[in-house]
């Protein structure tokens, strides 16, 4: 399934890609390294990075912890934009459209979601949208049993999908 996520990222023209993999990930690491070869002459890459226990004696405790444990990679690379994508979903998305909207909004973070029938909310992570502040997230709910529908569509909830983080401004480009 990682191929769907990587295809979306590469087809969005993001060509510096790190894949954070879990404990005992040899077959996934090998698959990414053999299948997703990019032109290193142009500085492009898809690189698997296995869990390294950099901030404690535990493997990744979820997606957010994986990112936290690998902040050193983000600091080393110094990207203008970071796009975080789950590799366990099958979908098609042009992340460049989301990033363009994110930059135009001036927001610190942007989260993309897809509306789903509220009856399916207990099967997904759900975005709890603040009804008093349109466009603002109140919370992320993991497989809620009593979800509240969206204000403009009470029979639907918004399933978490992908995240972009804040832009960084620099005085010069690499």
N, C-alpha and C. Protein backbone atom coordinates (compact mmCIF):
# COMPACT_ATOMS: atom_id res chain seq x y z
N UNK A 1 0.81 -1.21 0.00
CA UNK A 1 0.00 0.00 0.00
C UNK A 1 0.85 1.27 0.00
N UNK A 2 2.09 1.17 0.42
CA UNK A 2 2.96 2.36 0.43
C UNK A 2 3.11 2.93 -0.97
N UNK A 3 2.95 2.09 -1.98
CA UNK A 3 3.10 2.56 -3.36
C UNK A 3 2.04 3.60 -3.73
N UNK A 4 0.82 3.48 -3.21
CA UNK A 4 -0.22 4.48 -3.48
C UNK A 4 0.20 5.83 -2.91
N UNK A 5 0.65 5.83 -1.66
CA UNK A 5 1.07 7.08 -1.02
C UNK A 5 2.27 7.69 -1.75
N UNK A 6 3.26 6.86 -2.07
CA UNK A 6 4.44 7.37 -2.76
C UNK A 6 4.10 7.89 -4.15
N UNK A 7 3.22 7.21 -4.85
CA UNK A 7 2.79 7.68 -6.17
C UNK A 7 2.14 9.05 -6.06
N UNK A 8 1.28 9.26 -5.06
CA UNK A 8 0.65 10.56 -4.87
C UNK A 8 1.68 11.64 -4.60
N UNK A 9 2.66 11.35 -3.76
CA UNK A 9 3.68 12.32 -3.41
C UNK A 9 4.54 12.66 -4.63
N UNK A 10 5.03 11.66 -5.32
CA UNK A 10 5.89 11.88 -6.49
C UNK A 10 5.12 12.58 -7.61
N UNK A 11 3.87 12.17 -7.85
CA UNK A 11 3.07 12.81 -8.89
C UNK A 11 2.65 14.23 -8.52
N UNK A 12 2.81 14.60 -7.26
CA UNK A 12 2.59 15.99 -6.82
C UNK A 12 3.86 16.81 -6.96
N UNK A 13 4.91 16.18 -7.50
CA UNK A 13 6.20 16.82 -7.76
C UNK A 13 7.00 17.10 -6.50
N UNK A 14 6.81 16.28 -5.48
CA UNK A 14 7.66 16.34 -4.29
C UNK A 14 8.65 15.19 -4.43
N UNK A 15 9.91 15.53 -4.63
CA UNK A 15 10.90 14.54 -5.04
C UNK A 15 12.00 14.29 -4.01
N UNK A 16 11.82 14.78 -2.80
CA UNK A 16 12.72 14.48 -1.68
C UNK A 16 11.84 13.82 -0.63
N UNK A 17 11.86 12.51 -0.59
CA UNK A 17 10.88 11.76 0.19
C UNK A 17 11.58 10.85 1.18
N UNK A 18 11.14 10.92 2.42
CA UNK A 18 11.62 10.03 3.48
C UNK A 18 10.45 9.14 3.88
N UNK A 19 10.68 7.85 3.96
CA UNK A 19 9.66 6.89 4.39
C UNK A 19 10.08 6.36 5.76
N UNK A 20 9.32 6.71 6.80
CA UNK A 20 9.62 6.23 8.15
C UNK A 20 8.98 4.85 8.31
N UNK A 21 9.82 3.87 8.59
CA UNK A 21 9.32 2.50 8.70
C UNK A 21 9.45 1.99 10.13
N UNK A 22 8.62 1.05 10.48
CA UNK A 22 8.56 0.51 11.83
C UNK A 22 9.61 -0.56 12.08
N UNK A 23 9.63 -1.02 13.28
CA UNK A 23 10.47 -2.12 13.74
C UNK A 23 10.24 -3.35 12.85
N UNK A 24 11.32 -4.06 12.52
CA UNK A 24 11.27 -5.27 11.67
C UNK A 24 10.69 -4.95 10.29
N UNK A 25 11.24 -3.95 9.64
CA UNK A 25 10.68 -3.48 8.37
C UNK A 25 11.55 -3.83 7.16
N UNK A 26 12.37 -4.84 7.28
CA UNK A 26 13.33 -5.14 6.22
C UNK A 26 12.67 -5.28 4.85
N UNK A 27 11.57 -6.03 4.75
CA UNK A 27 10.96 -6.23 3.43
C UNK A 27 10.42 -4.92 2.86
N UNK A 28 9.86 -4.06 3.71
CA UNK A 28 9.39 -2.76 3.24
C UNK A 28 10.56 -1.87 2.83
N UNK A 29 11.60 -1.83 3.65
CA UNK A 29 12.79 -1.04 3.31
C UNK A 29 13.36 -1.48 1.97
N UNK A 30 13.46 -2.78 1.76
CA UNK A 30 14.00 -3.32 0.51
C UNK A 30 13.11 -2.95 -0.67
N UNK A 31 11.78 -3.08 -0.48
CA UNK A 31 10.84 -2.74 -1.55
C UNK A 31 10.98 -1.27 -1.95
N UNK A 32 11.00 -0.37 -0.98
CA UNK A 32 11.12 1.06 -1.28
C UNK A 32 12.44 1.35 -1.98
N UNK A 33 13.53 0.78 -1.47
CA UNK A 33 14.86 1.04 -2.05
C UNK A 33 14.97 0.53 -3.49
N UNK A 34 14.36 -0.62 -3.80
CA UNK A 34 14.46 -1.18 -5.15
C UNK A 34 13.45 -0.58 -6.12
N UNK A 35 12.26 -0.25 -5.64
CA UNK A 35 11.17 0.18 -6.51
C UNK A 35 11.17 1.67 -6.78
N UNK A 36 11.52 2.46 -5.80
CA UNK A 36 11.39 3.91 -5.90
C UNK A 36 12.75 4.57 -6.06
N UNK A 37 13.40 4.30 -7.17
CA UNK A 37 14.70 4.90 -7.46
C UNK A 37 14.48 6.22 -8.19
N UNK A 38 15.15 7.25 -7.72
CA UNK A 38 15.03 8.58 -8.31
C UNK A 38 16.40 9.00 -8.84
N UNK A 39 16.43 10.06 -9.59
CA UNK A 39 17.69 10.56 -10.14
C UNK A 39 18.49 11.27 -9.05
N UNK A 40 19.53 10.62 -8.57
CA UNK A 40 20.37 11.24 -7.56
C UNK A 40 21.20 12.38 -8.15
N UNK A 41 21.41 12.36 -9.47
CA UNK A 41 22.12 13.47 -10.11
C UNK A 41 21.34 14.78 -9.96
N UNK A 42 20.02 14.67 -9.86
CA UNK A 42 19.17 15.84 -9.69
C UNK A 42 18.88 16.10 -8.20
N UNK A 43 19.43 15.27 -7.33
CA UNK A 43 19.21 15.43 -5.90
C UNK A 43 17.90 14.86 -5.39
N UNK A 44 17.24 14.07 -6.20
CA UNK A 44 15.95 13.49 -5.82
C UNK A 44 16.15 12.14 -5.15
N UNK A 45 15.23 11.79 -4.26
CA UNK A 45 15.36 10.50 -3.56
C UNK A 45 14.06 10.10 -2.89
N UNK A 46 13.92 8.81 -2.70
CA UNK A 46 12.94 8.21 -1.80
C UNK A 46 13.78 7.31 -0.91
N UNK A 47 13.86 7.65 0.37
CA UNK A 47 14.75 6.94 1.29
C UNK A 47 13.98 6.35 2.46
N UNK A 48 14.05 5.04 2.63
CA UNK A 48 13.44 4.46 3.83
C UNK A 48 14.34 4.72 5.04
N UNK A 49 13.73 5.08 6.15
CA UNK A 49 14.46 5.30 7.40
C UNK A 49 13.80 4.42 8.46
N UNK A 50 14.49 3.37 8.89
CA UNK A 50 13.90 2.49 9.91
C UNK A 50 13.91 3.16 11.28
N UNK A 51 13.04 2.69 12.15
CA UNK A 51 12.96 3.20 13.52
C UNK A 51 14.33 3.10 14.17
N UNK A 52 14.73 4.15 14.89
CA UNK A 52 16.08 4.21 15.43
C UNK A 52 16.15 4.40 16.94
N UNK A 53 15.04 4.57 17.62
CA UNK A 53 15.01 4.80 19.07
C UNK A 53 15.91 5.98 19.46
N UNK A 54 15.76 7.09 18.77
CA UNK A 54 16.61 8.26 19.01
C UNK A 54 16.23 9.04 20.27
N UNK A 55 15.00 8.94 20.73
CA UNK A 55 14.56 9.74 21.89
C UNK A 55 14.10 8.89 23.07
N UNK A 56 14.38 7.62 23.04
CA UNK A 56 13.98 6.74 24.14
C UNK A 56 14.17 5.30 23.75
N UNK A 57 13.84 4.43 24.67
CA UNK A 57 14.02 3.00 24.43
C UNK A 57 12.73 2.35 23.95
N UNK A 58 12.03 3.03 23.06
CA UNK A 58 10.82 2.46 22.49
C UNK A 58 10.79 2.72 20.98
N UNK A 59 10.14 1.80 20.29
CA UNK A 59 9.92 1.98 18.86
C UNK A 59 8.82 3.01 18.69
N UNK A 60 8.46 3.33 17.47
CA UNK A 60 7.43 4.34 17.24
C UNK A 60 6.12 3.92 17.92
N UNK A 61 5.50 4.89 18.58
CA UNK A 61 4.23 4.66 19.27
C UNK A 61 3.06 5.16 18.43
N UNK A 62 3.28 5.33 17.16
CA UNK A 62 2.26 5.84 16.24
C UNK A 62 2.90 6.83 15.28
N UNK A 63 2.09 7.37 14.39
CA UNK A 63 2.61 8.27 13.36
C UNK A 63 3.22 9.54 13.94
N UNK A 64 2.54 10.16 14.89
CA UNK A 64 3.07 11.40 15.46
C UNK A 64 4.39 11.16 16.18
N UNK A 65 4.50 10.03 16.89
CA UNK A 65 5.75 9.71 17.58
C UNK A 65 6.86 9.43 16.58
N UNK A 66 6.54 8.80 15.47
CA UNK A 66 7.55 8.55 14.43
C UNK A 66 8.12 9.87 13.92
N UNK A 67 7.26 10.84 13.69
CA UNK A 67 7.72 12.14 13.23
C UNK A 67 8.56 12.80 14.33
N UNK A 68 8.09 12.75 15.56
CA UNK A 68 8.83 13.34 16.68
C UNK A 68 10.23 12.74 16.79
N UNK A 69 10.31 11.41 16.68
CA UNK A 69 11.60 10.74 16.80
C UNK A 69 12.54 11.04 15.63
N UNK A 70 11.98 11.54 14.55
CA UNK A 70 12.80 11.81 13.36
C UNK A 70 12.88 13.30 13.03
N UNK A 71 12.63 14.15 14.01
CA UNK A 71 12.75 15.59 13.78
C UNK A 71 14.15 15.98 13.32
N UNK A 72 15.15 15.19 13.73
CA UNK A 72 16.52 15.48 13.29
C UNK A 72 16.63 15.45 11.76
N UNK A 73 15.88 14.59 11.11
CA UNK A 73 15.92 14.51 9.65
C UNK A 73 15.35 15.80 9.06
N UNK A 74 14.26 16.28 9.62
CA UNK A 74 13.66 17.52 9.14
C UNK A 74 14.63 18.68 9.36
N UNK A 75 15.26 18.71 10.52
CA UNK A 75 16.23 19.78 10.79
C UNK A 75 17.43 19.70 9.85
N UNK A 76 17.90 18.49 9.55
CA UNK A 76 19.03 18.33 8.64
C UNK A 76 18.68 18.77 7.22
N UNK A 77 17.49 18.42 6.76
CA UNK A 77 17.06 18.72 5.39
C UNK A 77 16.60 20.17 5.23
N UNK A 78 16.08 20.77 6.27
CA UNK A 78 15.58 22.16 6.27
C UNK A 78 14.59 22.42 5.13
N UNK A 79 13.52 21.63 5.02
CA UNK A 79 12.57 21.85 3.94
C UNK A 79 11.70 23.09 4.19
N UNK A 80 11.19 23.66 3.12
CA UNK A 80 10.24 24.76 3.24
C UNK A 80 8.87 24.23 3.65
N UNK A 81 8.53 23.06 3.18
CA UNK A 81 7.23 22.44 3.44
C UNK A 81 7.47 20.98 3.83
N UNK A 82 6.71 20.51 4.81
CA UNK A 82 6.73 19.09 5.18
C UNK A 82 5.32 18.55 4.95
N UNK A 83 5.21 17.51 4.16
CA UNK A 83 3.94 16.85 3.91
C UNK A 83 4.01 15.49 4.58
N UNK A 84 3.08 15.23 5.48
CA UNK A 84 3.04 13.95 6.20
C UNK A 84 1.86 13.16 5.63
N UNK A 85 2.14 11.95 5.17
CA UNK A 85 1.13 11.14 4.49
C UNK A 85 1.09 9.76 5.14
N UNK A 86 -0.09 9.29 5.46
CA UNK A 86 -0.24 7.92 5.93
C UNK A 86 -0.07 6.98 4.75
N UNK A 87 0.60 5.87 4.98
CA UNK A 87 0.85 4.92 3.89
C UNK A 87 -0.11 3.74 3.94
N UNK A 88 -1.16 3.86 4.72
CA UNK A 88 -2.08 2.73 4.85
C UNK A 88 -3.46 3.03 4.29
N UNK A 89 -3.53 3.92 3.31
CA UNK A 89 -4.80 4.26 2.66
C UNK A 89 -4.62 4.17 1.15
N UNK A 90 -5.70 3.81 0.47
CA UNK A 90 -5.70 3.79 -0.98
C UNK A 90 -6.54 4.98 -1.44
N UNK A 91 -5.91 5.95 -2.07
CA UNK A 91 -6.60 7.13 -2.54
C UNK A 91 -5.72 7.82 -3.58
N UNK A 92 -6.30 8.81 -4.24
CA UNK A 92 -5.54 9.62 -5.19
C UNK A 92 -5.67 11.07 -4.77
N UNK A 93 -4.53 11.75 -4.65
CA UNK A 93 -4.55 13.15 -4.22
C UNK A 93 -3.34 13.88 -4.77
N UNK A 94 -3.58 15.11 -5.22
CA UNK A 94 -2.50 15.98 -5.65
C UNK A 94 -2.16 16.88 -4.47
N UNK A 95 -1.09 16.56 -3.76
CA UNK A 95 -0.72 17.31 -2.56
C UNK A 95 -0.29 18.73 -2.89
N UNK A 96 0.14 18.98 -4.12
CA UNK A 96 0.56 20.34 -4.46
C UNK A 96 -0.62 21.31 -4.38
N UNK A 97 -1.83 20.86 -4.69
CA UNK A 97 -3.01 21.72 -4.56
C UNK A 97 -3.25 22.06 -3.10
N UNK A 98 -3.11 21.08 -2.22
CA UNK A 98 -3.30 21.31 -0.79
C UNK A 98 -2.22 22.24 -0.26
N UNK A 99 -0.99 22.03 -0.67
CA UNK A 99 0.11 22.88 -0.20
C UNK A 99 -0.08 24.32 -0.69
N UNK A 100 -0.50 24.50 -1.95
CA UNK A 100 -0.76 25.85 -2.45
C UNK A 100 -1.84 26.54 -1.62
N UNK A 101 -2.92 25.83 -1.30
CA UNK A 101 -3.99 26.40 -0.47
C UNK A 101 -3.48 26.70 0.94
N UNK A 102 -2.63 25.83 1.45
CA UNK A 102 -2.04 26.03 2.78
C UNK A 102 -1.21 27.30 2.81
N UNK A 103 -0.33 27.46 1.85
CA UNK A 103 0.54 28.64 1.80
C UNK A 103 -0.31 29.91 1.66
N UNK A 104 -1.31 29.87 0.78
CA UNK A 104 -2.18 31.04 0.57
C UNK A 104 -2.95 31.40 1.84
N UNK A 105 -3.29 30.41 2.66
CA UNK A 105 -4.09 30.67 3.86
C UNK A 105 -3.27 31.30 4.98
N UNK A 106 -1.96 31.08 4.95
CA UNK A 106 -1.12 31.57 6.04
C UNK A 106 -1.23 30.75 7.30
N UNK A 107 -1.92 29.64 7.24
CA UNK A 107 -2.10 28.77 8.41
C UNK A 107 -0.79 28.10 8.79
N UNK A 108 -0.67 27.75 10.06
CA UNK A 108 0.52 27.05 10.50
C UNK A 108 0.47 25.58 10.09
N UNK A 109 -0.72 24.99 10.13
CA UNK A 109 -0.91 23.59 9.76
C UNK A 109 -2.16 23.49 8.90
N UNK A 110 -2.17 22.51 8.01
CA UNK A 110 -3.34 22.21 7.21
C UNK A 110 -3.55 20.70 7.25
N UNK A 111 -4.78 20.30 7.42
CA UNK A 111 -5.13 18.88 7.45
C UNK A 111 -6.18 18.63 6.39
N UNK A 112 -5.95 17.64 5.56
CA UNK A 112 -6.94 17.27 4.55
C UNK A 112 -7.76 16.11 5.09
N UNK A 113 -9.02 16.10 4.78
CA UNK A 113 -9.90 15.02 5.20
C UNK A 113 -10.88 14.71 4.10
N UNK A 114 -11.55 13.63 4.25
CA UNK A 114 -12.59 13.26 3.29
C UNK A 114 -13.85 12.95 4.08
N UNK A 115 -14.96 13.47 3.61
CA UNK A 115 -16.23 13.25 4.29
C UNK A 115 -16.66 11.81 4.12
N UNK A 116 -17.15 11.27 5.21
CA UNK A 116 -17.62 9.89 5.23
C UNK A 116 -18.97 9.85 5.95
N UNK A 117 -19.82 8.87 5.64
CA UNK A 117 -21.06 8.74 6.41
C UNK A 117 -20.73 8.58 7.91
N UNK A 118 -21.51 9.23 8.75
CA UNK A 118 -21.24 9.21 10.18
C UNK A 118 -21.31 7.78 10.74
N UNK A 119 -22.04 6.91 10.08
CA UNK A 119 -22.13 5.51 10.53
C UNK A 119 -20.77 4.80 10.44
N UNK A 120 -19.84 5.32 9.63
CA UNK A 120 -18.52 4.70 9.49
C UNK A 120 -17.48 5.32 10.42
N UNK A 121 -17.86 6.33 11.20
CA UNK A 121 -16.90 7.07 12.02
C UNK A 121 -16.15 6.18 12.99
N UNK A 122 -16.78 5.12 13.48
CA UNK A 122 -16.10 4.25 14.45
C UNK A 122 -15.03 3.37 13.81
N UNK A 123 -14.82 3.52 12.51
CA UNK A 123 -13.80 2.74 11.81
C UNK A 123 -12.56 3.57 11.44
N UNK A 124 -12.60 4.89 11.74
CA UNK A 124 -11.54 5.78 11.29
C UNK A 124 -11.15 6.78 12.36
N UNK A 125 -10.01 7.43 12.16
CA UNK A 125 -9.70 8.63 12.91
C UNK A 125 -10.55 9.75 12.32
N UNK A 126 -11.16 10.57 13.16
CA UNK A 126 -12.12 11.57 12.71
C UNK A 126 -11.65 12.96 13.16
N UNK A 127 -11.83 13.93 12.28
CA UNK A 127 -11.55 15.33 12.60
C UNK A 127 -12.81 15.91 13.26
N UNK A 128 -12.67 16.41 14.48
CA UNK A 128 -13.77 17.08 15.17
C UNK A 128 -13.64 18.57 14.87
N UNK A 129 -14.52 19.08 14.00
CA UNK A 129 -14.45 20.47 13.56
C UNK A 129 -15.17 21.36 14.57
N UNK A 130 -14.55 22.48 14.93
CA UNK A 130 -15.12 23.42 15.88
C UNK A 130 -16.29 24.15 15.22
N UNK A 131 -17.53 23.97 15.70
CA UNK A 131 -18.68 24.62 15.06
C UNK A 131 -18.67 26.13 15.22
N UNK A 132 -17.98 26.65 16.22
CA UNK A 132 -17.93 28.09 16.46
C UNK A 132 -16.83 28.79 15.67
N UNK A 133 -15.89 27.99 15.13
CA UNK A 133 -14.76 28.56 14.38
C UNK A 133 -14.58 27.76 13.09
N UNK A 134 -15.34 28.09 12.06
CA UNK A 134 -15.26 27.32 10.81
C UNK A 134 -13.83 27.20 10.31
N UNK A 135 -13.49 26.01 9.86
CA UNK A 135 -12.14 25.77 9.35
C UNK A 135 -11.14 25.45 10.45
N UNK A 136 -11.58 25.38 11.68
CA UNK A 136 -10.67 25.08 12.80
C UNK A 136 -10.96 23.68 13.36
N UNK A 137 -9.90 22.99 13.70
CA UNK A 137 -10.03 21.65 14.27
C UNK A 137 -10.06 21.76 15.79
N UNK A 138 -11.06 21.15 16.39
CA UNK A 138 -11.15 21.13 17.85
C UNK A 138 -10.38 19.96 18.42
N UNK A 139 -10.45 18.80 17.75
CA UNK A 139 -9.77 17.61 18.24
C UNK A 139 -9.70 16.56 17.14
N UNK A 140 -8.82 15.58 17.35
CA UNK A 140 -8.80 14.39 16.52
C UNK A 140 -9.33 13.26 17.38
N UNK A 141 -10.31 12.56 16.87
CA UNK A 141 -10.94 11.48 17.62
C UNK A 141 -10.60 10.16 16.95
N UNK A 142 -10.09 9.23 17.71
CA UNK A 142 -9.72 7.92 17.15
C UNK A 142 -10.89 6.96 17.28
N UNK A 143 -11.52 6.65 16.16
CA UNK A 143 -12.63 5.71 16.07
C UNK A 143 -13.72 6.00 17.12
N UNK A 144 -14.31 7.20 17.06
CA UNK A 144 -15.31 7.57 18.07
C UNK A 144 -16.59 6.74 17.96
N UNK A 145 -17.20 6.46 19.10
CA UNK A 145 -18.46 5.71 19.10
C UNK A 145 -19.68 6.63 19.04
N UNK A 146 -19.54 7.89 19.47
CA UNK A 146 -20.64 8.85 19.44
C UNK A 146 -20.23 10.12 18.70
N UNK A 147 -19.89 10.05 17.43
CA UNK A 147 -19.41 11.26 16.73
C UNK A 147 -20.53 12.25 16.47
N UNK A 148 -20.15 13.51 16.36
CA UNK A 148 -21.08 14.56 15.98
C UNK A 148 -20.84 14.83 14.49
N UNK A 149 -21.91 14.98 13.74
CA UNK A 149 -21.78 15.25 12.32
C UNK A 149 -21.26 16.65 12.05
N UNK A 150 -20.90 16.90 10.82
CA UNK A 150 -20.43 18.22 10.41
C UNK A 150 -21.59 19.20 10.41
N UNK A 151 -21.32 20.46 10.71
CA UNK A 151 -22.37 21.48 10.79
C UNK A 151 -23.17 21.59 9.49
N UNK A 152 -22.48 21.53 8.35
CA UNK A 152 -23.18 21.66 7.07
C UNK A 152 -23.63 20.32 6.50
N UNK A 153 -23.35 19.23 7.22
CA UNK A 153 -23.74 17.90 6.76
C UNK A 153 -23.81 16.97 7.98
N UNK A 154 -24.87 17.05 8.78
CA UNK A 154 -24.96 16.29 10.04
C UNK A 154 -24.83 14.77 9.89
N UNK A 155 -25.09 14.24 8.69
CA UNK A 155 -24.99 12.79 8.49
C UNK A 155 -23.59 12.35 8.11
N UNK A 156 -22.64 13.29 8.11
CA UNK A 156 -21.27 12.97 7.72
C UNK A 156 -20.28 13.44 8.77
N UNK A 157 -19.14 12.75 8.78
CA UNK A 157 -18.00 13.18 9.59
C UNK A 157 -16.82 13.32 8.65
N UNK A 158 -15.73 13.87 9.12
CA UNK A 158 -14.55 14.06 8.28
C UNK A 158 -13.44 13.15 8.76
N UNK A 159 -13.02 12.24 7.90
CA UNK A 159 -11.98 11.28 8.21
C UNK A 159 -10.62 11.90 7.99
N UNK A 160 -9.69 11.67 8.92
CA UNK A 160 -8.34 12.18 8.76
C UNK A 160 -7.69 11.57 7.53
N UNK A 161 -6.86 12.37 6.89
CA UNK A 161 -6.24 11.87 5.67
C UNK A 161 -4.76 12.18 5.61
N UNK A 162 -4.38 13.43 5.51
CA UNK A 162 -2.98 13.81 5.36
C UNK A 162 -2.76 15.17 6.00
N UNK A 163 -1.54 15.48 6.30
CA UNK A 163 -1.25 16.73 7.00
C UNK A 163 -0.07 17.44 6.36
N UNK A 164 -0.12 18.76 6.34
CA UNK A 164 1.06 19.53 5.98
C UNK A 164 1.41 20.38 7.18
N UNK A 165 2.66 20.64 7.37
CA UNK A 165 3.03 21.49 8.50
C UNK A 165 3.50 22.84 8.02
N UNK A 166 3.86 23.69 8.96
CA UNK A 166 4.12 25.10 8.70
C UNK A 166 5.22 25.32 7.67
N UNK A 167 5.11 26.43 7.02
CA UNK A 167 6.15 26.81 6.07
C UNK A 167 7.27 27.48 6.83
N UNK A 168 8.45 27.39 6.31
CA UNK A 168 9.61 28.05 6.89
C UNK A 168 10.11 29.07 5.89
N UNK A 169 10.36 30.24 6.35
CA UNK A 169 10.92 31.23 5.44
C UNK A 169 12.42 31.31 5.66
N UNK A 170 13.15 31.47 4.59
CA UNK A 170 14.60 31.59 4.66
C UNK A 170 15.05 32.78 3.83
N UNK A 171 16.16 33.33 4.21
CA UNK A 171 16.66 34.49 3.45
C UNK A 171 17.31 34.08 2.14
N UNK A 172 17.71 32.84 2.03
CA UNK A 172 18.31 32.38 0.76
C UNK A 172 17.83 30.97 0.48
N UNK A 173 17.97 30.56 -0.75
CA UNK A 173 17.56 29.21 -1.14
C UNK A 173 18.79 28.34 -1.31
N UNK A 174 18.65 27.02 -1.09
CA UNK A 174 19.81 26.14 -1.22
C UNK A 174 20.27 25.99 -2.66
